[in-house]
Amino acid sequence: MKTIRPAILAFVTLTGFGQTAPPPQFEVASIRPSAPAALGQVGLGLHIDGSQVSMRQFALKDEIAVAFNLKQYQVSGPDWLATEKFDIVAKLPEGAPRNQVREMLQALLLDRFQMKTHHETKDFSVYAVVVAKSGLKMKEAPPDPADATADGDKKTDQGAVNVSVSGGRGGVVANYGNGSFFTLGNNRIDAQKMQMNYVADMLARFEDRPVVDMTELKGKYDFTLTFTEEDYHAMMIRAAISSGMALPPEAIQAMQNASGDSLFSALQMVGLKLESRKAPLDVLVIDHAEKSPTEN
């Protein structure tokens, strides 16, 4: 690994007196193609422990989405962005706050992949997650004492962060850190301490359009969603497709034949509803990116 070079795209703001400071950068970083995952297994995640940052088994499109705080559908570019996976290992400069990691990832990806980008606003057909007319029926998790200081202000946590997805044929666990996670298996989803933006992200894995949180709920919730076996398998197929996997025609046909009704029914049971809406969303367009990163 070696010291990061300045990002190719300067973040410049014209003012009456000059320009903004350059974006923060990792002290050192390496980007390498991910090793093939074991057959029938999935394991990927973002980990921050002290000054060490790692992202493993992420497609470049997902890494761009994380860096720019976007969803995958808000990143537009060549098809290979969703299939080529890279491992990133980096070190934060001494004293650098964790909330600068996204900016450092942006600078790293722009530099190493020689990326050129621009932003657009596009209207999307979305599902809005809203509270059902029957009212919310989920259990709100108690506040975590570690989330606040003694005077009630939100604490800036400099501890370890582990956001990951792992599993195999028996099921999947998606861990958001700080006790927030959901498990997927046996025709059901069991969730603990889930914020509603995480719930929207989870549901988007199984739908054919973006899912946006419009509940205005601020708490964390525990809940269980149960599905028919047919709909559960269709959800797994859709999730595989959205992650870039190529599936045989019979799998696509099975997904299309499923009703999908049990997902909507399961959400109603916990007091939530999906509504079809239009929403303007920011899109990051990748005009150019090299398929192989420059030397570490």
Protein backbone atom coordinates (compact mmCIF):
# COMPACT_ATOMS: atom_id res chain seq x y z
CA MET A 1 0.00 0.00 0.00
CA LYS A 2 1.10 3.60 -0.49
CA THR A 3 0.04 7.14 0.25
CA ILE A 4 -3.09 8.20 -1.64
CA ARG A 5 -2.56 10.57 -4.58
CA PRO A 6 -4.81 13.65 -4.86
CA ALA A 7 -8.24 12.80 -6.32
CA ILE A 8 -8.53 13.43 -10.04
CA LEU A 9 -11.77 15.36 -9.64
CA ALA A 10 -11.18 18.40 -7.41
CA PHE A 11 -14.05 19.40 -5.17
CA VAL A 12 -13.95 23.11 -6.00
CA THR A 13 -16.43 25.77 -4.90
CA LEU A 14 -16.00 29.25 -6.37
CA THR A 15 -16.40 32.00 -3.79
CA GLY A 16 -15.42 35.61 -3.51
CA PHE A 17 -12.17 34.63 -1.82
CA GLY A 18 -11.06 31.32 -3.31
CA GLN A 19 -11.98 27.61 -2.97
CA THR A 20 -12.74 24.99 -0.37
CA ALA A 21 -10.11 22.76 1.16
CA PRO A 22 -9.36 19.44 -0.61
CA PRO A 23 -11.36 16.43 0.61
CA PRO A 24 -9.93 14.30 3.42
CA GLN A 25 -8.01 11.20 2.32
CA PHE A 26 -6.90 7.89 3.81
CA GLU A 27 -3.32 7.71 5.04
CA VAL A 28 -2.81 4.54 2.97
CA ALA A 29 -5.20 2.29 1.05
CA SER A 30 -5.25 -0.71 -1.26
CA ILE A 31 -7.91 -1.92 -3.72
CA ARG A 32 -7.74 -5.49 -5.03
CA PRO A 33 -10.19 -7.76 -6.88
CA SER A 34 -12.22 -9.86 -4.43
CA ALA A 35 -11.47 -13.57 -4.21
CA PRO A 36 -14.37 -15.79 -5.36
CA ALA A 37 -16.85 -16.52 -2.57
CA ALA A 38 -17.32 -20.11 -1.45
CA LEU A 39 -20.08 -21.97 -3.31
CA GLY A 40 -23.46 -21.34 -1.69
CA GLN A 41 -22.07 -18.75 0.72
CA VAL A 42 -22.36 -14.98 0.90
CA GLY A 43 -20.19 -12.73 3.04
CA LEU A 44 -19.67 -9.02 2.54
CA GLY A 45 -19.45 -5.95 4.71
CA LEU A 46 -17.99 -2.64 5.82
CA HIS A 47 -15.84 -2.75 8.96
CA ILE A 48 -14.29 0.14 10.89
CA ASP A 49 -12.17 -0.74 13.91
CA GLY A 50 -10.05 2.05 15.30
CA SER A 51 -8.08 3.46 12.36
CA GLN A 52 -8.62 0.38 10.15
CA VAL A 53 -11.30 0.46 7.43
CA SER A 54 -12.19 -2.50 5.22
CA MET A 55 -14.84 -3.28 2.61
CA ARG A 56 -14.94 -6.83 1.26
CA GLN A 57 -16.88 -8.60 -1.50
CA PHE A 58 -18.61 -5.38 -2.61
CA ALA A 59 -19.34 -4.71 -6.28
CA LEU A 60 -17.85 -1.39 -7.36
CA LYS A 61 -21.39 -0.02 -7.81
CA ASP A 62 -22.13 -0.77 -4.15
CA GLU A 63 -18.87 0.85 -3.04
CA ILE A 64 -19.75 3.98 -5.01
CA ALA A 65 -23.22 4.00 -3.42
CA VAL A 66 -21.70 3.73 0.08
CA ALA A 67 -19.13 6.45 -0.62
CA PHE A 68 -21.69 8.93 -1.97
CA ASN A 69 -24.45 7.93 0.50
CA LEU A 70 -26.77 6.74 -2.26
CA LYS A 71 -28.78 3.62 -2.97
CA GLN A 72 -27.62 1.30 -5.75
CA TYR A 73 -30.43 2.43 -8.07
CA GLN A 74 -29.13 6.00 -7.73
CA VAL A 75 -25.84 5.03 -9.39
CA SER A 76 -25.90 4.90 -13.19
CA GLY A 77 -23.03 3.65 -15.31
CA PRO A 78 -21.58 0.68 -17.24
CA ASP A 79 -23.10 -2.73 -16.49
CA TRP A 80 -19.78 -4.08 -15.18
CA LEU A 81 -19.97 -1.78 -12.14
CA ALA A 82 -22.53 -4.20 -10.67
CA THR A 83 -20.49 -7.36 -11.30
CA GLU A 84 -16.82 -6.50 -10.67
CA LYS A 85 -16.06 -6.87 -6.94
CA PHE A 86 -13.16 -5.30 -5.05
CA ASP A 87 -11.77 -5.44 -1.51
CA ILE A 88 -10.68 -2.14 0.03
CA VAL A 89 -8.32 -1.97 3.02
CA ALA A 90 -7.40 1.48 4.30
CA LYS A 91 -6.04 3.36 7.30
CA LEU A 92 -7.46 6.57 8.70
CA PRO A 93 -5.02 9.40 9.45
CA GLU A 94 -4.32 9.84 13.15
CA GLY A 95 -7.17 11.69 14.85
CA ALA A 96 -9.46 11.60 11.80
CA PRO A 97 -13.16 11.30 12.78
CA ARG A 98 -15.15 8.35 11.52
CA ASN A 99 -17.71 10.62 9.86
CA GLN A 100 -15.09 11.47 7.21
CA VAL A 101 -14.88 7.89 5.92
CA ARG A 102 -17.43 8.50 3.12
CA GLU A 103 -15.49 11.51 1.81
CA MET A 104 -12.25 9.49 1.94
CA LEU A 105 -13.89 6.64 0.02
CA GLN A 106 -15.10 9.13 -2.60
CA ALA A 107 -11.60 10.53 -3.10
CA LEU A 108 -10.12 7.02 -3.23
CA LEU A 109 -12.57 5.66 -5.83
CA LEU A 110 -12.42 8.78 -8.00
CA ASP A 111 -8.64 8.58 -8.03
CA ARG A 112 -7.94 4.87 -8.42
CA PHE A 113 -10.66 4.19 -11.01
CA GLN A 114 -10.07 7.50 -12.86
CA MET A 115 -13.77 8.22 -12.53
CA LYS A 116 -15.61 11.12 -14.12
CA THR A 117 -19.12 11.77 -12.83
CA HIS A 118 -22.03 14.17 -12.80
CA HIS A 119 -25.33 14.39 -10.89
CA GLU A 120 -28.86 14.37 -12.32
CA THR A 121 -32.33 14.41 -10.79
CA LYS A 122 -34.72 11.77 -12.15
CA ASP A 123 -38.29 10.83 -11.34
CA PHE A 124 -38.61 7.24 -10.13
CA SER A 125 -41.61 4.99 -9.63
CA VAL A 126 -41.16 4.02 -5.98
CA TYR A 127 -42.85 2.23 -3.15
CA ALA A 128 -43.34 4.54 -0.18
CA VAL A 129 -43.31 2.86 3.23
CA VAL A 130 -46.09 4.51 5.26
CA VAL A 131 -47.96 3.71 8.48
CA ALA A 132 -51.15 1.79 7.70
CA LYS A 133 -54.56 3.26 8.60
CA SER A 134 -54.91 0.58 11.27
CA GLY A 135 -51.92 2.12 13.11
CA LEU A 136 -48.43 0.90 13.92
CA LYS A 137 -48.26 -2.57 15.52
CA MET A 138 -44.50 -3.06 15.82
CA LYS A 139 -42.70 -3.16 19.14
CA GLU A 140 -40.41 -0.16 19.60
CA ALA A 141 -37.04 -1.14 21.02
CA PRO A 142 -35.94 0.80 24.14
CA PRO A 143 -33.31 3.51 23.60
CA ASP A 144 -29.76 2.24 23.72
CA PRO A 145 -27.85 4.00 26.55
CA ALA A 146 -24.74 3.88 24.36
CA ASP A 147 -26.48 6.15 21.82
CA ALA A 148 -26.47 9.21 24.08
CA THR A 149 -24.33 11.08 26.58
CA ALA A 150 -25.37 11.80 30.15
CA ASP A 151 -27.04 15.09 29.14
CA GLY A 152 -29.07 13.38 26.41
CA ASP A 153 -27.08 14.58 23.42
CA LYS A 154 -26.27 12.06 20.72
CA LYS A 155 -22.81 10.67 21.20
CA THR A 156 -20.20 10.51 18.44
CA ASP A 157 -19.23 6.85 18.65
CA GLN A 158 -15.64 6.13 17.74
CA GLY A 159 -15.92 2.40 18.48
CA ALA A 160 -15.92 -0.47 16.01
CA VAL A 161 -18.47 -0.60 13.19
CA ASN A 162 -19.43 -3.88 11.56
CA VAL A 163 -22.05 -3.70 8.81
CA SER A 164 -22.21 -7.02 7.02
CA VAL A 165 -24.28 -9.64 5.25
CA SER A 166 -23.48 -13.32 5.63
CA GLY A 167 -25.15 -16.68 5.16
CA GLY A 168 -25.72 -19.67 2.96
CA ARG A 169 -28.47 -22.01 1.86
CA GLY A 170 -30.02 -22.06 5.32
CA GLY A 171 -30.57 -18.31 5.54
CA VAL A 172 -29.04 -14.86 5.61
CA VAL A 173 -28.12 -12.43 8.40
CA ALA A 174 -27.81 -8.69 7.65
CA ASN A 175 -26.07 -6.87 10.51
CA TYR A 176 -26.22 -3.05 10.71
CA GLY A 177 -24.22 -2.82 13.95
CA ASN A 178 -25.19 -1.75 17.48
CA GLY A 179 -27.65 -4.65 17.82
CA SER A 180 -29.60 -3.79 14.65
CA PHE A 181 -30.05 -6.74 12.29
CA PHE A 182 -32.47 -8.96 10.43
CA THR A 183 -32.40 -12.66 9.66
CA LEU A 184 -33.94 -14.21 6.59
CA GLY A 185 -34.89 -17.89 6.49
CA ASN A 186 -37.71 -20.42 6.82
CA ASN A 187 -40.17 -18.19 4.94
CA ARG A 188 -39.83 -15.27 7.36
CA ILE A 189 -37.88 -12.17 8.33
CA ASP A 190 -37.05 -11.53 11.98
CA ALA A 191 -35.81 -8.01 12.70
CA GLN A 192 -34.35 -6.38 15.81
CA LYS A 193 -33.76 -2.66 16.49
CA MET A 194 -34.42 -1.66 12.89
CA GLN A 195 -34.67 2.02 11.94
CA MET A 196 -37.24 2.69 9.25
CA ASN A 197 -34.64 3.68 6.65
CA TYR A 198 -33.09 0.23 7.21
CA VAL A 199 -36.54 -1.34 6.79
CA ALA A 200 -36.96 0.47 3.45
CA ASP A 201 -33.51 -0.72 2.33
CA MET A 202 -34.40 -4.28 3.34
CA LEU A 203 -37.69 -4.26 1.44
CA ALA A 204 -36.03 -2.80 -1.66
CA ARG A 205 -34.04 -6.05 -2.00
CA PHE A 206 -37.28 -7.88 -2.79
CA GLU A 207 -39.11 -5.37 -4.99
CA ASP A 208 -38.84 -4.25 -8.61
CA ARG A 209 -38.54 -0.57 -7.74
CA PRO A 210 -36.93 1.69 -5.10
CA VAL A 211 -38.48 1.70 -1.62
CA VAL A 212 -38.47 5.02 0.27
CA ASP A 213 -39.20 5.58 3.96
CA MET A 214 -42.05 8.09 4.33
CA THR A 215 -43.27 7.00 7.77
CA GLU A 216 -41.58 9.87 9.71
CA LEU A 217 -40.94 7.30 12.47
CA LYS A 218 -37.70 7.96 14.41
CA GLY A 219 -37.48 4.89 16.66
CA LYS A 220 -36.01 1.40 16.28
CA TYR A 221 -38.38 -1.54 16.00
CA ASP A 222 -38.58 -5.31 16.52
CA PHE A 223 -40.90 -7.27 14.21
CA THR A 224 -41.46 -10.50 12.27
CA LEU A 225 -42.76 -10.84 8.70
CA THR A 226 -44.03 -14.26 7.54
CA PHE A 227 -44.58 -15.24 3.90
CA THR A 228 -45.97 -18.06 1.83
CA GLU A 229 -43.29 -20.46 0.58
CA GLU A 230 -43.98 -19.44 -3.03
CA ASP A 231 -43.58 -15.72 -2.31
CA TYR A 232 -40.51 -16.31 -0.15
CA HIS A 233 -38.70 -18.10 -2.98
CA ALA A 234 -39.72 -15.34 -5.40
CA MET A 235 -38.27 -12.75 -2.99
CA MET A 236 -34.99 -14.66 -2.85
CA ILE A 237 -34.82 -14.77 -6.65
CA ARG A 238 -35.46 -11.04 -6.93
CA ALA A 239 -32.80 -10.33 -4.30
CA ALA A 240 -30.31 -12.45 -6.25
CA ILE A 241 -31.11 -10.58 -9.47
CA SER A 242 -30.71 -7.17 -7.80
CA SER A 243 -27.27 -8.23 -6.53
CA GLY A 244 -26.16 -8.94 -10.10
CA MET A 245 -26.47 -12.74 -10.18
CA ALA A 246 -27.37 -14.42 -13.48
CA LEU A 247 -30.21 -16.94 -13.02
CA PRO A 248 -31.75 -19.55 -15.35
CA PRO A 249 -35.05 -18.79 -17.16
CA GLU A 250 -37.01 -21.18 -14.93
CA ALA A 251 -36.05 -19.12 -11.85
CA ILE A 252 -37.30 -15.94 -13.54
CA GLN A 253 -40.55 -17.69 -14.44
CA ALA A 254 -41.04 -18.86 -10.85
CA MET A 255 -40.62 -15.29 -9.62
CA GLN A 256 -43.13 -13.98 -12.14
CA ASN A 257 -45.70 -16.64 -11.20
CA ALA A 258 -45.65 -15.76 -7.49
CA SER A 259 -48.41 -13.40 -6.33
CA GLY A 260 -46.32 -11.36 -3.89
CA ASP A 261 -49.44 -10.80 -1.82
CA SER A 262 -47.98 -12.23 1.38
CA LEU A 263 -45.35 -9.46 1.63
CA PHE A 264 -48.07 -6.80 1.61
CA SER A 265 -50.15 -8.84 4.07
CA ALA A 266 -47.15 -9.32 6.37
CA LEU A 267 -46.50 -5.57 6.41
CA GLN A 268 -50.14 -4.89 7.24
CA MET A 269 -49.80 -7.20 10.25
CA VAL A 270 -47.12 -4.89 11.73
CA GLY A 271 -48.97 -1.69 10.76
CA LEU A 272 -47.05 -0.75 7.61
CA LYS A 273 -48.06 -0.32 3.99
CA LEU A 274 -46.36 0.06 0.61
CA GLU A 275 -47.89 2.74 -1.63
CA SER A 276 -46.98 3.33 -5.28
CA ARG A 277 -45.74 6.88 -5.81
CA LYS A 278 -43.46 9.01 -7.97
CA ALA A 279 -40.45 10.66 -6.34
CA PRO A 280 -37.54 12.79 -7.66
CA LEU A 281 -34.21 11.25 -6.61
CA ASP A 282 -30.60 12.28 -7.09
CA VAL A 283 -28.65 10.06 -9.51
CA LEU A 284 -24.86 9.89 -9.77
CA VAL A 285 -23.93 9.19 -13.39
CA ILE A 286 -20.56 7.50 -13.95
CA ASP A 287 -19.44 8.96 -17.29
CA HIS A 288 -16.10 7.11 -17.22
CA ALA A 289 -14.35 4.56 -15.00
CA GLU A 290 -11.37 2.31 -15.59
CA LYS A 291 -12.16 -1.37 -15.11
CA SER A 292 -8.95 -1.95 -13.13
CA PRO A 293 -7.80 0.41 -10.36
CA THR A 294 -4.44 2.12 -10.61
CA GLU A 295 -1.54 0.60 -8.69
CA ASN A 296 -1.84 0.51 -4.89
